[in-house]
């Protein structure tokens, strides 16, 4: 199989180069280049059929499948019509849901690190006050040993603020959360090491915070305070962590394509995710500033949090459905192409 790979890899590289050029400006491609792409596409389709019968190399099969599917889309599907900004905005929800679904493994890693850090911090703070102090923000009154009344005062603060003050607070919250999210994404290029630290560290802070309120018997009040905005805010930070791991994977394990190209692809996926994350952070800042600092009852806050969780679960599930639909369509195209080649 190694001789097969060495013999045909130049053709795959050439096809990939032509595809990359076509994505930038297909109208500038010469007739010779388009004809060559068609030849390489058909040749690679045959290679894919051979690989599927001769080996179980999942990475090679996936690489050739994506290569053939991209070439097929370019050769047989009519060029897309020019879209307006309104069209792009209408497609934004689906695009965001799908980019999450495509990269779910990276987001799952970020979630596990965040949640794992929270669990470690929670139990450490329960059994060791020194650990709780070490994980608390300096100057924050919500420290181990704080009374129930002191903690309640902080949880219920800000409810009498005017709209102007709440708007200014929302701006500050968005700015801070966006910086954290951007840091989690961008530092992924450093083999995801800083991203890992950031995910665990943020989880540690939340775990210590929860521990302090549990020890004071304020579980329900605390969850009603943090979950309405926290589900969206923490979700956005976790997605940014997933983008960081995506970039780190491109650096450490580019697979069968060039590292620079893999990083470029990860950057495009990360950019799409970043647009959706920015919207999530704006929503979280508004909820945190206006809803959290309102006179809504505890039950109303928890109901809002439950609907938020259901909304994001359905939203991500929709992304998986869209991706599965397209994957099935591509498989059907490849099966038809294999059958057509076999009957020649």
Protein backbone atom coordinates (compact mmCIF):
# COMPACT_ATOMS: atom_id res chain seq x y z
CA UNK A 1 0.00 0.00 0.00
CA UNK A 2 2.95 2.32 0.57
CA UNK A 3 3.93 2.08 -3.12
CA UNK A 4 0.32 2.88 -4.11
CA UNK A 5 0.40 5.95 -1.87
CA UNK A 6 3.77 7.17 -3.18
CA UNK A 7 2.73 6.61 -6.79
CA UNK A 8 -0.57 8.50 -6.60
CA UNK A 9 0.09 11.18 -3.98
CA UNK A 10 1.36 13.70 -6.63
CA UNK A 11 -2.01 13.46 -8.41
CA UNK A 12 -3.88 14.10 -5.17
CA UNK A 13 -1.67 17.06 -4.33
CA UNK A 14 -2.20 18.51 -7.80
CA UNK A 15 -5.98 18.09 -7.53
CA UNK A 16 -5.95 19.71 -4.10
CA UNK A 17 -3.92 22.65 -5.45
CA UNK A 18 -6.40 23.16 -8.30
CA UNK A 19 -9.33 22.97 -5.92
CA UNK A 20 -7.78 25.59 -3.63
CA UNK A 21 -7.22 27.86 -6.61
CA UNK A 22 -10.81 27.39 -7.79
CA UNK A 23 -12.15 28.35 -4.35
CA UNK A 24 -10.35 31.69 -4.57
CA UNK A 25 -11.28 32.60 -8.17
CA UNK A 26 -12.61 29.90 -10.49
CA UNK A 27 -13.12 32.37 -13.35
CA UNK A 28 -9.37 32.93 -13.59
CA UNK A 29 -8.66 29.25 -14.16
CA UNK A 30 -7.59 28.33 -17.69
CA UNK A 31 -9.42 25.73 -19.81
CA UNK A 32 -6.37 23.48 -19.46
CA UNK A 33 -6.56 23.66 -15.66
CA UNK A 34 -10.28 22.87 -15.65
CA UNK A 35 -9.73 19.94 -17.99
CA UNK A 36 -6.87 18.70 -15.83
CA UNK A 37 -9.07 18.94 -12.75
CA UNK A 38 -11.68 16.76 -14.43
CA UNK A 39 -9.05 14.13 -15.31
CA UNK A 40 -7.62 14.13 -11.79
CA UNK A 41 -11.09 13.93 -10.29
CA UNK A 42 -11.95 10.78 -12.22
CA UNK A 43 -8.56 9.27 -11.48
CA UNK A 44 -8.89 10.00 -7.76
CA UNK A 45 -12.37 8.48 -7.75
CA UNK A 46 -10.84 5.23 -8.99
CA UNK A 47 -8.12 5.51 -6.34
CA UNK A 48 -10.80 5.92 -3.66
CA UNK A 49 -12.56 2.76 -4.82
CA UNK A 50 -9.27 0.87 -4.75
CA UNK A 51 -8.37 2.16 -1.29
CA UNK A 52 -11.76 1.14 0.12
CA UNK A 53 -11.22 -2.46 -1.05
CA UNK A 54 -7.53 -2.79 -0.18
CA UNK A 55 -7.14 -1.09 3.17
CA UNK A 56 -8.93 0.09 6.29
CA UNK A 57 -6.89 3.29 6.59
CA UNK A 58 -9.66 5.59 7.82
CA UNK A 59 -7.60 8.77 7.45
CA UNK A 60 -6.71 8.03 3.82
CA UNK A 61 -10.29 7.09 2.95
CA UNK A 62 -11.61 10.26 4.59
CA UNK A 63 -9.00 12.40 2.82
CA UNK A 64 -9.81 10.99 -0.62
CA UNK A 65 -13.56 11.13 0.03
CA UNK A 66 -13.38 14.83 0.87
CA UNK A 67 -11.15 15.46 -2.14
CA UNK A 68 -13.50 13.68 -4.54
CA UNK A 69 -16.61 15.28 -3.02
CA UNK A 70 -15.11 18.77 -3.34
CA UNK A 71 -14.13 18.17 -6.96
CA UNK A 72 -17.54 16.71 -7.79
CA UNK A 73 -19.30 19.74 -6.30
CA UNK A 74 -17.16 22.05 -8.41
CA UNK A 75 -17.48 20.12 -11.68
CA UNK A 76 -21.14 19.06 -11.62
CA UNK A 77 -22.98 21.58 -9.46
CA UNK A 78 -23.93 24.87 -11.05
CA UNK A 79 -22.14 27.98 -9.72
CA UNK A 80 -23.89 29.62 -6.82
CA UNK A 81 -25.78 32.80 -7.45
CA UNK A 82 -24.49 35.98 -5.93
CA UNK A 83 -25.84 36.40 -2.45
CA UNK A 84 -26.78 39.52 -0.56
CA UNK A 85 -26.02 40.41 3.03
CA UNK A 86 -29.63 39.55 3.86
CA UNK A 87 -29.13 36.05 2.41
CA UNK A 88 -25.97 35.57 4.47
CA UNK A 89 -27.79 36.66 7.62
CA UNK A 90 -30.61 34.21 6.96
CA UNK A 91 -28.11 31.37 6.59
CA UNK A 92 -26.09 32.39 9.65
CA UNK A 93 -28.00 30.26 12.23
CA UNK A 94 -27.68 27.11 10.11
CA UNK A 95 -24.04 27.84 9.30
CA UNK A 96 -23.24 28.30 13.00
CA UNK A 97 -25.07 25.13 14.03
CA UNK A 98 -23.30 23.12 11.34
CA UNK A 99 -19.81 24.36 12.15
CA UNK A 100 -20.39 23.30 15.78
CA UNK A 101 -21.55 19.85 14.64
CA UNK A 102 -18.60 19.39 12.27
CA UNK A 103 -16.10 20.03 15.04
CA UNK A 104 -17.97 18.47 17.96
CA UNK A 105 -14.98 16.40 19.10
CA UNK A 106 -12.90 19.51 19.79
CA UNK A 107 -15.77 21.19 21.62
CA UNK A 108 -16.31 18.04 23.69
CA UNK A 109 -12.65 18.15 24.79
CA UNK A 110 -13.08 21.79 25.85
CA UNK A 111 -16.27 20.92 27.75
CA UNK A 112 -14.65 18.00 29.57
CA UNK A 113 -11.69 20.14 30.66
CA UNK A 114 -13.98 22.96 31.81
CA UNK A 115 -16.36 20.63 33.65
CA UNK A 116 -13.52 18.52 35.03
CA UNK A 117 -11.78 21.60 36.39
CA UNK A 118 -15.04 22.64 38.03
CA UNK A 119 -15.51 19.27 39.74
CA UNK A 120 -11.93 19.20 41.04
CA UNK A 121 -12.23 22.73 42.38
CA UNK A 122 -15.63 22.09 43.96
CA UNK A 123 -14.52 19.07 45.98
CA UNK A 124 -11.14 20.61 46.81
CA UNK A 125 -12.84 23.75 48.17
CA UNK A 126 -15.31 21.66 50.20
CA UNK A 127 -12.56 19.81 52.01
CA UNK A 128 -9.85 22.46 52.16
CA UNK A 129 -10.64 26.16 52.83
CA UNK A 130 -7.11 27.12 51.72
CA UNK A 131 -7.86 25.74 48.26
CA UNK A 132 -11.09 27.75 48.20
CA UNK A 133 -9.23 30.94 49.10
CA UNK A 134 -6.58 30.23 46.45
CA UNK A 135 -9.26 29.86 43.76
CA UNK A 136 -11.27 32.93 44.78
CA UNK A 137 -10.88 36.37 43.22
CA UNK A 138 -8.98 38.73 45.55
CA UNK A 139 -11.32 41.30 47.11
CA UNK A 140 -14.44 39.29 46.30
CA UNK A 141 -16.73 39.09 49.37
CA UNK A 142 -17.83 35.62 48.30
CA UNK A 143 -15.05 33.88 50.20
CA UNK A 144 -15.08 30.72 52.35
CA UNK A 145 -16.62 31.54 55.71
CA UNK A 146 -18.89 34.28 54.36
CA UNK A 147 -22.30 34.27 56.01
CA UNK A 148 -25.52 33.47 54.22
CA UNK A 149 -26.62 37.09 54.52
CA UNK A 150 -23.38 38.40 52.98
CA UNK A 151 -23.66 36.05 50.02
CA UNK A 152 -27.34 36.89 49.50
CA UNK A 153 -26.53 40.58 49.48
CA UNK A 154 -24.10 40.07 46.60
CA UNK A 155 -26.49 37.76 44.70
CA UNK A 156 -29.26 40.35 44.92
CA UNK A 157 -27.16 43.43 44.26
CA UNK A 158 -27.70 45.66 41.24
CA UNK A 159 -31.46 45.16 41.05
CA UNK A 160 -32.17 48.81 41.69
CA UNK A 161 -29.83 50.09 38.99
CA UNK A 162 -31.22 52.16 36.13
CA UNK A 163 -31.19 51.13 32.47
CA UNK A 164 -28.14 53.27 31.73
CA UNK A 165 -26.07 51.62 34.44
CA UNK A 166 -27.17 48.16 33.34
CA UNK A 167 -26.26 48.93 29.72
CA UNK A 168 -22.79 50.09 30.79
CA UNK A 169 -22.41 46.92 32.87
CA UNK A 170 -23.45 44.78 29.88
CA UNK A 171 -20.76 46.46 27.75
CA UNK A 172 -18.10 45.70 30.35
CA UNK A 173 -19.25 42.07 30.63
CA UNK A 174 -19.18 41.56 26.87
CA UNK A 175 -15.71 43.09 26.58
CA UNK A 176 -14.31 40.87 29.34
CA UNK A 177 -15.92 37.65 28.10
CA UNK A 178 -14.89 38.35 24.50
CA UNK A 179 -11.26 38.81 25.56
CA UNK A 180 -11.32 35.49 27.43
CA UNK A 181 -12.94 33.75 24.46
CA UNK A 182 -10.55 35.29 21.95
CA UNK A 183 -7.59 34.25 24.08
CA UNK A 184 -8.87 30.67 24.28
CA UNK A 185 -9.18 30.56 20.48
CA UNK A 186 -6.02 32.33 19.36
CA UNK A 187 -3.62 30.59 21.73
CA UNK A 188 -4.69 27.24 20.30
CA UNK A 189 -2.04 27.77 17.64
CA UNK A 190 0.52 27.03 20.38
CA UNK A 191 -0.32 23.31 20.29
CA UNK A 192 -3.47 24.01 22.41
CA UNK A 193 -1.44 24.15 25.62
CA UNK A 194 -2.64 27.65 26.68
CA UNK A 195 -6.19 26.71 25.65
CA UNK A 196 -6.08 23.68 27.93
CA UNK A 197 -4.91 25.82 30.85
CA UNK A 198 -7.62 28.42 30.23
CA UNK A 199 -10.40 25.83 30.08
CA UNK A 200 -9.30 24.15 33.29
CA UNK A 201 -8.71 27.49 35.05
CA UNK A 202 -12.17 28.84 34.22
CA UNK A 203 -13.68 25.60 35.43
CA UNK A 204 -11.71 25.88 38.67
CA UNK A 205 -13.10 29.37 39.33
CA UNK A 206 -16.69 28.22 38.80
CA UNK A 207 -16.21 25.15 41.00
CA UNK A 208 -14.90 27.21 43.90
CA UNK A 209 -17.77 29.71 43.49
CA UNK A 210 -20.37 26.93 43.61
CA UNK A 211 -18.70 25.33 46.64
CA UNK A 212 -18.88 28.53 48.70
CA UNK A 213 -22.61 28.91 48.10
CA UNK A 214 -23.35 25.22 48.69
CA UNK A 215 -21.69 25.39 52.09
CA UNK A 216 -23.88 28.37 52.95
CA UNK A 217 -27.05 26.52 51.87
CA UNK A 218 -27.75 28.82 48.90
CA UNK A 219 -27.82 26.22 46.14
CA UNK A 220 -31.12 27.22 44.54
CA UNK A 221 -30.51 30.95 44.80
CA UNK A 222 -27.01 30.56 43.38
CA UNK A 223 -28.13 28.48 40.38
CA UNK A 224 -30.95 30.95 39.69
CA UNK A 225 -28.29 33.70 39.71
CA UNK A 226 -25.73 32.02 37.44
CA UNK A 227 -27.59 29.72 35.02
CA UNK A 228 -29.78 32.18 33.05
CA UNK A 229 -26.72 33.88 31.55
CA UNK A 230 -24.20 31.15 32.38
CA UNK A 231 -25.57 28.53 29.98
CA UNK A 232 -25.01 30.85 27.01
CA UNK A 233 -21.82 32.45 28.35
CA UNK A 234 -20.07 29.23 29.35
CA UNK A 235 -21.24 27.62 26.12
CA UNK A 236 -19.57 30.39 24.13
CA UNK A 237 -16.32 30.04 26.07
CA UNK A 238 -16.34 26.26 25.57
CA UNK A 239 -16.90 26.70 21.82
CA UNK A 240 -13.91 29.06 21.71
CA UNK A 241 -11.89 26.43 23.53
CA UNK A 242 -12.96 23.96 20.86
CA UNK A 243 -11.65 26.31 18.18
CA UNK A 244 -8.36 26.49 20.08
CA UNK A 245 -8.09 22.71 20.05
CA UNK A 246 -8.99 22.71 16.36
CA UNK A 247 -6.04 25.02 15.62
CA UNK A 248 -3.76 23.01 17.88
CA UNK A 249 -4.69 19.79 16.09
CA UNK A 250 -3.91 21.43 12.75
CA UNK A 251 -0.44 22.31 14.02
CA UNK A 252 0.37 19.03 15.75
CA UNK A 253 -1.41 16.58 13.45
CA UNK A 254 -2.10 18.00 9.97
CA UNK A 255 -2.66 14.56 8.51
CA UNK A 256 -2.15 14.02 4.80
CA UNK A 257 -2.27 17.68 3.77
CA UNK A 258 0.20 20.50 4.29
CA UNK A 259 0.29 22.02 7.76
CA UNK A 260 -0.29 25.53 6.39
CA UNK A 261 -3.38 24.36 4.50
CA UNK A 262 -4.72 22.53 7.55
CA UNK A 263 -4.26 25.65 9.68
CA UNK A 264 -6.02 27.71 7.00
CA UNK A 265 -8.97 25.31 7.00
CA UNK A 266 -9.13 25.38 10.80
CA UNK A 267 -8.96 29.17 10.70
CA UNK A 268 -11.96 29.34 8.37
CA UNK A 269 -13.96 27.05 10.65
CA UNK A 270 -12.83 29.08 13.65
CA UNK A 271 -13.88 32.33 11.99
CA UNK A 272 -17.38 30.97 11.35
CA UNK A 273 -17.58 29.85 14.97
CA UNK A 274 -16.34 33.23 16.19
CA UNK A 275 -19.24 35.06 14.50
CA UNK A 276 -21.79 32.92 16.31
CA UNK A 277 -19.88 33.13 19.59
CA UNK A 278 -19.89 36.94 19.42
CA UNK A 279 -23.69 36.88 19.17
CA UNK A 280 -23.86 34.45 22.11
CA UNK A 281 -21.68 36.73 24.23
CA UNK A 282 -23.81 39.77 23.43
CA UNK A 283 -26.92 37.80 24.46
CA UNK A 284 -25.20 36.57 27.65
CA UNK A 285 -24.12 40.10 28.59
CA UNK A 286 -27.65 41.44 28.13
CA UNK A 287 -29.16 38.59 30.14
CA UNK A 288 -26.58 38.97 32.91
CA UNK A 289 -27.04 42.73 33.14
CA UNK A 290 -30.80 43.03 32.77
CA UNK A 291 -32.39 39.70 33.73
CA UNK A 292 -29.96 38.67 36.47
CA UNK A 293 -30.21 42.10 38.10
CA UNK A 294 -34.00 42.17 37.97
CA UNK A 295 -36.71 41.37 40.49
CA UNK A 296 -37.71 38.13 38.78
CA UNK A 297 -38.46 35.26 41.14
CA UNK A 298 -36.10 32.34 41.57
CA UNK A 299 -38.50 29.97 39.80
CA UNK A 300 -38.79 32.35 36.81
CA UNK A 301 -35.02 32.56 36.53
CA UNK A 302 -34.63 28.79 36.61
CA UNK A 303 -37.41 28.40 34.02
CA UNK A 304 -35.57 30.83 31.73
CA UNK A 305 -32.36 28.85 32.25
CA UNK A 306 -34.14 25.59 31.36
CA UNK A 307 -35.50 27.07 28.13
CA UNK A 308 -32.00 28.37 27.30
CA UNK A 309 -30.53 24.89 27.75
CA UNK A 310 -33.26 23.32 25.59
CA UNK A 311 -32.81 25.96 22.90
CA UNK A 312 -29.04 25.38 22.56
CA UNK A 313 -29.45 21.60 22.68
CA UNK A 314 -32.01 21.70 19.83
CA UNK A 315 -29.88 24.22 17.93
CA UNK A 316 -26.80 21.97 18.00
CA UNK A 317 -28.90 18.90 17.21
CA UNK A 318 -30.20 20.74 14.12
CA UNK A 319 -26.60 21.25 13.01
CA UNK A 320 -25.96 17.52 13.24
CA UNK A 321 -29.08 16.80 11.19
CA UNK A 322 -27.97 19.20 8.44
CA UNK A 323 -24.48 17.70 8.35
CA UNK A 324 -25.87 14.15 8.22
CA UNK A 325 -28.16 15.13 5.34
CA UNK A 326 -25.25 16.48 3.31
CA UNK A 327 -23.03 13.52 4.19
CA UNK A 328 -25.70 11.10 2.97
CA UNK A 329 -26.06 13.06 -0.28
CA UNK A 330 -22.29 12.94 -0.87
CA UNK A 331 -22.20 9.19 -0.23
CA UNK A 332 -24.99 8.66 -2.76
CA UNK A 333 -23.06 10.69 -5.34
CA UNK A 334 -19.90 8.64 -4.76
CA UNK A 335 -21.81 5.36 -4.99
CA UNK A 336 -23.30 6.43 -8.34
CA UNK A 337 -19.87 7.49 -9.57
CA UNK A 338 -18.34 4.15 -8.50
CA UNK A 339 -21.12 2.29 -10.32
CA UNK A 340 -20.67 4.34 -13.47
CA UNK A 341 -16.91 3.66 -13.52
CA UNK A 342 -17.44 -0.06 -12.84
CA UNK A 343 -19.80 -0.42 -15.81
CA UNK A 344 -17.37 1.13 -18.29
